[in-house]
Amino acid sequence: MGSFSIWHWLIVLLIVVMVFGTKKLKNMGSDLGGAVKGFKDGMKDGSSPDTNAATPPAGQVANQATADKTTIDVEAKQKS
């Protein structure tokens, strides 16, 4: 009862193939493979340090000289 034999897994595989069909399983496998490949490419692109160091994060100003004249810089200070 603790583990399944090879016959149990073959019966489960046969039932899955009968329910979904081979074409649907092939499409799901290729979609899953494409998603994994896209994830790996995204992780590879996001980890390169030279592209992230050149540009500041969105919404932040690199220095005060490049800020627009209409930008207001406000800092919250605590009253003592």
PDB file of N, CA and C in Angstrom:
ATOM      1  N   MET A   1       0.810  -1.204   0.000  1.00  0.00           N
ATOM      2  CA  MET A   1       0.000   0.000   0.000  1.00  0.00           C
ATOM      3  C   MET A   1       0.850   1.264   0.000  1.00  0.00           C
ATOM      4  N   GLY A   2       2.111   1.178   0.404  1.00  0.00           N
ATOM      5  CA  GLY A   2       2.937   2.364   0.535  1.00  0.00           C
ATOM      6  C   GLY A   2       3.355   2.979  -0.785  1.00  0.00           C
ATOM      7  N   SER A   3       3.752   2.158  -1.747  1.00  0.00           N
ATOM      8  CA  SER A   3       4.208   2.709  -3.022  1.00  0.00           C
ATOM      9  C   SER A   3       3.455   2.050  -4.170  1.00  0.00           C
ATOM     10  N   PHE A   4       3.451   2.757  -5.302  1.00  0.00           N
ATOM     11  CA  PHE A   4       2.767   2.235  -6.475  1.00  0.00           C
ATOM     12  C   PHE A   4       3.757   1.487  -7.352  1.00  0.00           C
ATOM     13  N   SER A   5       3.292   0.415  -7.947  1.00  0.00           N
ATOM     14  CA  SER A   5       4.147  -0.337  -8.859  1.00  0.00           C
ATOM     15  C   SER A   5       4.051   0.269 -10.257  1.00  0.00           C
ATOM     16  N   ILE A   6       4.820  -0.269 -11.169  1.00  0.00           N
ATOM     17  CA  ILE A   6       4.828   0.220 -12.547  1.00  0.00           C
ATOM     18  C   ILE A   6       3.461   0.012 -13.192  1.00  0.00           C
ATOM     19  N   TRP A   7       2.752  -1.027 -12.802  1.00  0.00           N
ATOM     20  CA  TRP A   7       1.431  -1.314 -13.385  1.00  0.00           C
ATOM     21  C   TRP A   7       0.419  -0.240 -12.993  1.00  0.00           C
ATOM     22  N   HIS A   8       0.512   0.245 -11.775  1.00  0.00           N
ATOM     23  CA  HIS A   8      -0.387   1.324 -11.354  1.00  0.00           C
ATOM     24  C   HIS A   8      -0.160   2.574 -12.205  1.00  0.00           C
ATOM     25  N   TRP A   9       1.101   2.948 -12.431  1.00  0.00           N
ATOM     26  CA  TRP A   9       1.419   4.139 -13.213  1.00  0.00           C
ATOM     27  C   TRP A   9       1.019   3.975 -14.672  1.00  0.00           C
ATOM     28  N   LEU A  10       1.161   2.761 -15.234  1.00  0.00           N
ATOM     29  CA  LEU A  10       0.747   2.525 -16.614  1.00  0.00           C
ATOM     30  C   LEU A  10      -0.769   2.649 -16.768  1.00  0.00           C
ATOM     31  N   ILE A  11      -1.510   2.174 -15.789  1.00  0.00           N
ATOM     32  CA  ILE A  11      -2.969   2.305 -15.840  1.00  0.00           C
ATOM     33  C   ILE A  11      -3.382   3.765 -15.728  1.00  0.00           C
ATOM     34  N   VAL A  12      -2.732   4.521 -14.848  1.00  0.00           N
ATOM     35  CA  VAL A  12      -3.028   5.952 -14.721  1.00  0.00           C
ATOM     36  C   VAL A  12      -2.703   6.669 -16.029  1.00  0.00           C
ATOM     37  N   LEU A  13      -1.579   6.358 -16.636  1.00  0.00           N
ATOM     38  CA  LEU A  13      -1.197   6.959 -17.914  1.00  0.00           C
ATOM     39  C   LEU A  13      -2.206   6.618 -19.004  1.00  0.00           C
ATOM     40  N   LEU A  14      -2.658   5.389 -19.057  1.00  0.00           N
ATOM     41  CA  LEU A  14      -3.653   4.984 -20.039  1.00  0.00           C
ATOM     42  C   LEU A  14      -4.964   5.745 -19.848  1.00  0.00           C
ATOM     43  N   ILE A  15      -5.389   5.923 -18.624  1.00  0.00           N
ATOM     44  CA  ILE A  15      -6.627   6.667 -18.356  1.00  0.00           C
ATOM     45  C   ILE A  15      -6.473   8.133 -18.754  1.00  0.00           C
ATOM     46  N   VAL A  16      -5.331   8.742 -18.456  1.00  0.00           N
ATOM     47  CA  VAL A  16      -5.095  10.138 -18.824  1.00  0.00           C
ATOM     48  C   VAL A  16      -5.106  10.307 -20.333  1.00  0.00           C
ATOM     49  N   VAL A  17      -4.482   9.383 -21.057  1.00  0.00           N
ATOM     50  CA  VAL A  17      -4.464   9.452 -22.520  1.00  0.00           C
ATOM     51  C   VAL A  17      -5.874   9.276 -23.076  1.00  0.00           C
ATOM     52  N   MET A  18      -6.660   8.398 -22.471  1.00  0.00           N
ATOM     53  CA  MET A  18      -8.035   8.189 -22.944  1.00  0.00           C
ATOM     54  C   MET A  18      -8.901   9.410 -22.675  1.00  0.00           C
ATOM     55  N   VAL A  19      -8.688  10.099 -21.566  1.00  0.00           N
ATOM     56  CA  VAL A  19      -9.507  11.259 -21.222  1.00  0.00           C
ATOM     57  C   VAL A  19      -9.134  12.468 -22.076  1.00  0.00           C
ATOM     58  N   PHE A  20      -7.849  12.777 -22.160  1.00  0.00           N
ATOM     59  CA  PHE A  20      -7.415  13.992 -22.834  1.00  0.00           C
ATOM     60  C   PHE A  20      -7.106  13.791 -24.310  1.00  0.00           C
ATOM     61  N   GLY A  21      -6.656  12.632 -24.701  1.00  0.00           N
ATOM     62  CA  GLY A  21      -6.257  12.394 -26.083  1.00  0.00           C
ATOM     63  C   GLY A  21      -4.810  12.790 -26.293  1.00  0.00           C
ATOM     64  N   THR A  22      -4.177  12.189 -27.289  1.00  0.00           N
ATOM     65  CA  THR A  22      -2.745  12.428 -27.504  1.00  0.00           C
ATOM     66  C   THR A  22      -2.475  13.824 -28.053  1.00  0.00           C
ATOM     67  N   LYS A  23      -3.373  14.340 -28.899  1.00  0.00           N
ATOM     68  CA  LYS A  23      -3.143  15.669 -29.484  1.00  0.00           C
ATOM     69  C   LYS A  23      -3.192  16.745 -28.402  1.00  0.00           C
ATOM     70  N   LYS A  24      -4.152  16.657 -27.500  1.00  0.00           N
ATOM     71  CA  LYS A  24      -4.276  17.640 -26.418  1.00  0.00           C
ATOM     72  C   LYS A  24      -3.064  17.561 -25.490  1.00  0.00           C
ATOM     73  N   LEU A  25      -2.598  16.346 -25.181  1.00  0.00           N
ATOM     74  CA  LEU A  25      -1.417  16.197 -24.322  1.00  0.00           C
ATOM     75  C   LEU A  25      -0.171  16.752 -25.005  1.00  0.00           C
ATOM     76  N   LYS A  26      -0.058  16.563 -26.322  1.00  0.00           N
ATOM     77  CA  LYS A  26       1.087  17.107 -27.065  1.00  0.00           C
ATOM     78  C   LYS A  26       1.072  18.630 -27.023  1.00  0.00           C
ATOM     79  N   ASN A  27      -0.106  19.244 -27.215  1.00  0.00           N
ATOM     80  CA  ASN A  27      -0.220  20.701 -27.166  1.00  0.00           C
ATOM     81  C   ASN A  27       0.112  21.234 -25.778  1.00  0.00           C
ATOM     82  N   MET A  28      -0.362  20.553 -24.746  1.00  0.00           N
ATOM     83  CA  MET A  28      -0.067  20.992 -23.380  1.00  0.00           C
ATOM     84  C   MET A  28       1.426  20.886 -23.088  1.00  0.00           C
ATOM     85  N   GLY A  29       2.070  19.829 -23.587  1.00  0.00           N
ATOM     86  CA  GLY A  29       3.513  19.666 -23.391  1.00  0.00           C
ATOM     87  C   GLY A  29       4.319  20.742 -24.091  1.00  0.00           C
ATOM     88  N   SER A  30       3.928  21.085 -25.309  1.00  0.00           N
ATOM     89  CA  SER A  30       4.667  22.131 -26.027  1.00  0.00           C
ATOM     90  C   SER A  30       4.430  23.500 -25.392  1.00  0.00           C
ATOM     91  N   ASP A  31       3.212  23.755 -24.900  1.00  0.00           N
ATOM     92  CA  ASP A  31       2.945  25.012 -24.200  1.00  0.00           C
ATOM     93  C   ASP A  31       3.764  25.115 -22.918  1.00  0.00           C
ATOM     94  N   LEU A  32       3.855  24.019 -22.197  1.00  0.00           N
ATOM     95  CA  LEU A  32       4.642  24.005 -20.957  1.00  0.00           C
ATOM     96  C   LEU A  32       6.124  24.216 -21.263  1.00  0.00           C
ATOM     97  N   GLY A  33       6.617  23.580 -22.316  1.00  0.00           N
ATOM     98  CA  GLY A  33       8.021  23.761 -22.713  1.00  0.00           C
ATOM     99  C   GLY A  33       8.314  25.195 -23.124  1.00  0.00           C
ATOM    100  N   GLY A  34       7.389  25.809 -23.853  1.00  0.00           N
ATOM    101  CA  GLY A  34       7.571  27.214 -24.249  1.00  0.00           C
ATOM    102  C   GLY A  34       7.556  28.145 -23.057  1.00  0.00           C
ATOM    103  N   ALA A  35       6.703  27.837 -22.076  1.00  0.00           N
ATOM    104  CA  ALA A  35       6.649  28.671 -20.872  1.00  0.00           C
ATOM    105  C   ALA A  35       7.938  28.562 -20.070  1.00  0.00           C
ATOM    106  N   VAL A  36       8.484  27.360 -19.960  1.00  0.00           N
ATOM    107  CA  VAL A  36       9.737  27.167 -19.232  1.00  0.00           C
ATOM    108  C   VAL A  36      10.883  27.869 -19.950  1.00  0.00           C
ATOM    109  N   LYS A  37      10.908  27.785 -21.282  1.00  0.00           N
ATOM    110  CA  LYS A  37      11.960  28.452 -22.058  1.00  0.00           C
ATOM    111  C   LYS A  37      11.864  29.971 -21.904  1.00  0.00           C
ATOM    112  N   GLY A  38      10.650  30.503 -21.949  1.00  0.00           N
ATOM    113  CA  GLY A  38      10.460  31.941 -21.752  1.00  0.00           C
ATOM    114  C   GLY A  38      10.880  32.386 -20.366  1.00  0.00           C
ATOM    115  N   PHE A  39      10.592  31.560 -19.364  1.00  0.00           N
ATOM    116  CA  PHE A  39      10.999  31.878 -17.995  1.00  0.00           C
ATOM    117  C   PHE A  39      12.515  31.905 -17.866  1.00  0.00           C
ATOM    118  N   LYS A  40      13.180  30.913 -18.458  1.00  0.00           N
ATOM    119  CA  LYS A  40      14.651  30.879 -18.404  1.00  0.00           C
ATOM    120  C   LYS A  40      15.253  32.090 -19.102  1.00  0.00           C
ATOM    121  N   ASP A  41      14.714  32.462 -20.262  1.00  0.00           N
ATOM    122  CA  ASP A  41      15.217  33.636 -20.982  1.00  0.00           C
ATOM    123  C   ASP A  41      14.990  34.909 -20.174  1.00  0.00           C
ATOM    124  N   GLY A  42      13.853  35.007 -19.519  1.00  0.00           N
ATOM    125  CA  GLY A  42      13.558  36.175 -18.691  1.00  0.00           C
ATOM    126  C   GLY A  42      14.493  36.273 -17.500  1.00  0.00           C
ATOM    127  N   MET A  43      14.801  35.144 -16.891  1.00  0.00           N
ATOM    128  CA  MET A  43      15.725  35.149 -15.756  1.00  0.00           C
ATOM    129  C   MET A  43      17.128  35.500 -16.214  1.00  0.00           C
ATOM    130  N   LYS A  44      17.519  35.036 -17.403  1.00  0.00           N
ATOM    131  CA  LYS A  44      18.852  35.336 -17.929  1.00  0.00           C
ATOM    132  C   LYS A  44      18.964  36.820 -18.265  1.00  0.00           C
ATOM    133  N   ASP A  45      17.938  37.395 -18.878  1.00  0.00           N
ATOM    134  CA  ASP A  45      17.953  38.809 -19.242  1.00  0.00           C
ATOM    135  C   ASP A  45      17.906  39.701 -18.018  1.00  0.00           C
ATOM    136  N   GLY A  46      17.180  39.323 -17.007  1.00  0.00           N
ATOM    137  CA  GLY A  46      17.024  40.145 -15.813  1.00  0.00           C
ATOM    138  C   GLY A  46      18.241  40.140 -14.905  1.00  0.00           C
ATOM    139  N   SER A  47      19.125  39.153 -15.057  1.00  0.00           N
ATOM    140  CA  SER A  47      20.255  39.058 -14.149  1.00  0.00           C
ATOM    141  C   SER A  47      21.516  39.729 -14.671  1.00  0.00           C
ATOM    142  N   SER A  48      21.507  40.282 -15.877  1.00  0.00           N
ATOM    143  CA  SER A  48      22.706  40.925 -16.400  1.00  0.00           C
ATOM    144  C   SER A  48      22.901  42.276 -15.711  1.00  0.00           C
ATOM    145  N   PRO A  49      24.032  42.477 -15.029  1.00  0.00           N
ATOM    146  CA  PRO A  49      24.226  43.698 -14.240  1.00  0.00           C
ATOM    147  C   PRO A  49      24.490  44.935 -15.083  1.00  0.00           C
ATOM    148  N   ASP A  50      25.045  44.791 -16.308  1.00  0.00           N
ATOM    149  CA  ASP A  50      25.410  45.979 -17.077  1.00  0.00           C
ATOM    150  C   ASP A  50      24.181  46.717 -17.610  1.00  0.00           C
ATOM    151  N   THR A  51      23.084  46.047 -17.870  1.00  0.00           N
ATOM    152  CA  THR A  51      21.899  46.750 -18.365  1.00  0.00           C
ATOM    153  C   THR A  51      21.172  47.462 -17.238  1.00  0.00           C
ATOM    154  N   ASN A  52      21.194  46.923 -16.041  1.00  0.00           N
ATOM    155  CA  ASN A  52      20.503  47.542 -14.918  1.00  0.00           C
ATOM    156  C   ASN A  52      21.284  48.728 -14.340  1.00  0.00           C
ATOM    157  N   ALA A  53      22.609  48.734 -14.454  1.00  0.00           N
ATOM    158  CA  ALA A  53      23.419  49.792 -13.866  1.00  0.00           C
ATOM    159  C   ALA A  53      23.366  51.072 -14.705  1.00  0.00           C
ATOM    160  N   ALA A  54      23.115  50.960 -15.987  1.00  0.00           N
ATOM    161  CA  ALA A  54      23.155  52.124 -16.861  1.00  0.00           C
ATOM    162  C   ALA A  54      21.934  53.026 -16.685  1.00  0.00           C
ATOM    163  N   THR A  55      20.787  52.456 -16.395  1.00  0.00           N
ATOM    164  CA  THR A  55      19.569  53.248 -16.273  1.00  0.00           C
ATOM    165  C   THR A  55      19.014  53.143 -14.862  1.00  0.00           C
ATOM    166  N   PRO A  56      18.533  54.244 -14.297  1.00  0.00           N
ATOM    167  CA  PRO A  56      17.938  54.185 -12.968  1.00  0.00           C
ATOM    168  C   PRO A  56      16.571  53.511 -13.024  1.00  0.00           C
ATOM    169  N   PRO A  57      16.082  52.999 -11.908  1.00  0.00           N
ATOM    170  CA  PRO A  57      14.753  52.392 -11.900  1.00  0.00           C
ATOM    171  C   PRO A  57      13.682  53.408 -12.284  1.00  0.00           C
ATOM    172  N   ALA A  58      12.597  52.920 -12.837  1.00  0.00           N
ATOM    173  CA  ALA A  58      11.516  53.794 -13.281  1.00  0.00           C
ATOM    174  C   ALA A  58      10.921  54.536 -12.098  1.00  0.00           C
ATOM    175  N   GLY A  59      10.633  55.804 -12.280  1.00  0.00           N
ATOM    176  CA  GLY A  59      10.012  56.602 -11.223  1.00  0.00           C
ATOM    177  C   GLY A  59      11.001  57.294 -10.316  1.00  0.00           C
ATOM    178  N   GLN A  60      12.294  57.077 -10.520  1.00  0.00           N
ATOM    179  CA  GLN A  60      13.302  57.720  -9.692  1.00  0.00           C
ATOM    180  C   GLN A  60      14.153  58.646 -10.561  1.00  0.00           C
ATOM    181  N   VAL A  61      14.601  59.733  -9.982  1.00  0.00           N
ATOM    182  CA  VAL A  61      15.425  60.699 -10.695  1.00  0.00           C
ATOM    183  C   VAL A  61      16.883  60.400 -10.373  1.00  0.00           C
ATOM    184  N   ALA A  62      17.737  60.374 -11.417  1.00  0.00           N
ATOM    185  CA  ALA A  62      19.140  60.029 -11.227  1.00  0.00           C
ATOM    186  C   ALA A  62      19.868  61.087 -10.395  1.00  0.00           C
ATOM    187  N   ASN A  63      19.708  62.374 -10.732  1.00  0.00           N
ATOM    188  CA  ASN A  63      20.277  63.442  -9.917  1.00  0.00           C
ATOM    189  C   ASN A  63      19.406  64.681 -10.079  1.00  0.00           C
ATOM    190  N   GLN A  64      19.625  65.685  -9.263  1.00  0.00           N
ATOM    191  CA  GLN A  64      18.752  66.851  -9.243  1.00  0.00           C
ATOM    192  C   GLN A  64      18.903  67.720 -10.495  1.00  0.00           C
ATOM    193  N   ALA A  65      20.055  67.676 -11.174  1.00  0.00           N
ATOM    194  CA  ALA A  65      20.279  68.524 -12.334  1.00  0.00           C
ATOM    195  C   ALA A  65      19.417  68.093 -13.518  1.00  0.00           C
ATOM    196  N   THR A  66      19.104  66.811 -13.606  1.00  0.00           N
ATOM    197  CA  THR A  66      18.313  66.335 -14.736  1.00  0.00           C
ATOM    198  C   THR A  66      16.811  66.366 -14.457  1.00  0.00           C
ATOM    199  N   ALA A  67      16.411  66.764 -13.261  1.00  0.00           N
ATOM    200  CA  ALA A  67      14.988  66.797 -12.929  1.00  0.00           C
ATOM    201  C   ALA A  67      14.311  67.955 -13.656  1.00  0.00           C
ATOM    202  N   ASP A  68      13.043  67.782 -13.980  1.00  0.00           N
ATOM    203  CA  ASP A  68      12.269  68.847 -14.611  1.00  0.00           C
ATOM    204  C   ASP A  68      12.105  69.999 -13.627  1.00  0.00           C
ATOM    205  N   LYS A  69      11.911  71.185 -14.177  1.00  0.00           N
ATOM    206  CA  LYS A  69      11.701  72.352 -13.328  1.00  0.00           C
ATOM    207  C   LYS A  69      10.338  72.297 -12.636  1.00  0.00           C
ATOM    208  N   THR A  70       9.415  71.495 -13.173  1.00  0.00           N
ATOM    209  CA  THR A  70       8.090  71.396 -12.566  1.00  0.00           C
ATOM    210  C   THR A  70       8.036  70.354 -11.457  1.00  0.00           C
ATOM    211  N   THR A  71       9.109  69.585 -11.275  1.00  0.00           N
ATOM    212  CA  THR A  71       9.140  68.553 -10.253  1.00  0.00           C
ATOM    213  C   THR A  71       9.361  69.182  -8.878  1.00  0.00           C
ATOM    214  N   ILE A  72       8.573  68.780  -7.923  1.00  0.00           N
ATOM    215  CA  ILE A  72       8.701  69.294  -6.555  1.00  0.00           C
ATOM    216  C   ILE A  72       9.276  68.174  -5.705  1.00  0.00           C
ATOM    217  N   ASP A  73      10.373  68.441  -5.032  1.00  0.00           N
ATOM    218  CA  ASP A  73      11.003  67.459  -4.166  1.00  0.00           C
ATOM    219  C   ASP A  73      10.604  67.751  -2.730  1.00  0.00           C
ATOM    220  N   VAL A  74       9.902  66.848  -2.093  1.00  0.00           N
ATOM    221  CA  VAL A  74       9.414  67.037  -0.742  1.00  0.00           C
ATOM    222  C   VAL A  74       9.916  65.894   0.126  1.00  0.00           C
ATOM    223  N   GLU A  75      10.456  66.251   1.273  1.00  0.00           N
ATOM    224  CA  GLU A  75      10.879  65.234   2.230  1.00  0.00           C
ATOM    225  C   GLU A  75      10.046  65.390   3.494  1.00  0.00           C
ATOM    226  N   ALA A  76       9.586  64.301   4.032  1.00  0.00           N
ATOM    227  CA  ALA A  76       8.804  64.340   5.269  1.00  0.00           C
ATOM    228  C   ALA A  76       9.784  64.372   6.441  1.00  0.00           C
ATOM    229  N   LYS A  77       9.565  65.281   7.356  1.00  0.00           N
ATOM    230  CA  LYS A  77      10.422  65.403   8.525  1.00  0.00           C
ATOM    231  C   LYS A  77       9.565  65.259   9.771  1.00  0.00           C
ATOM    232  N   GLN A  78      10.151  64.636  10.776  1.00  0.00           N
ATOM    233  CA  GLN A  78       9.431  64.469  12.038  1.00  0.00           C
ATOM    234  C   GLN A  78       9.620  65.702  12.892  1.00  0.00           C
ATOM    235  N   LYS A  79       8.549  66.073  13.607  1.00  0.00           N
ATOM    236  CA  LYS A  79       8.661  67.179  14.550  1.00  0.00           C
ATOM    237  C   LYS A  79       9.276  66.663  15.832  1.00  0.00           C
ATOM    238  N   SER A  80      10.192  67.441  16.413  1.00  0.00           N
ATOM    239  CA  SER A  80      10.809  66.982  17.651  1.00  0.00           C
ATOM    240  C   SER A  80      10.351  67.805  18.821  1.00  0.00           C
TER     241      SER A  80
END
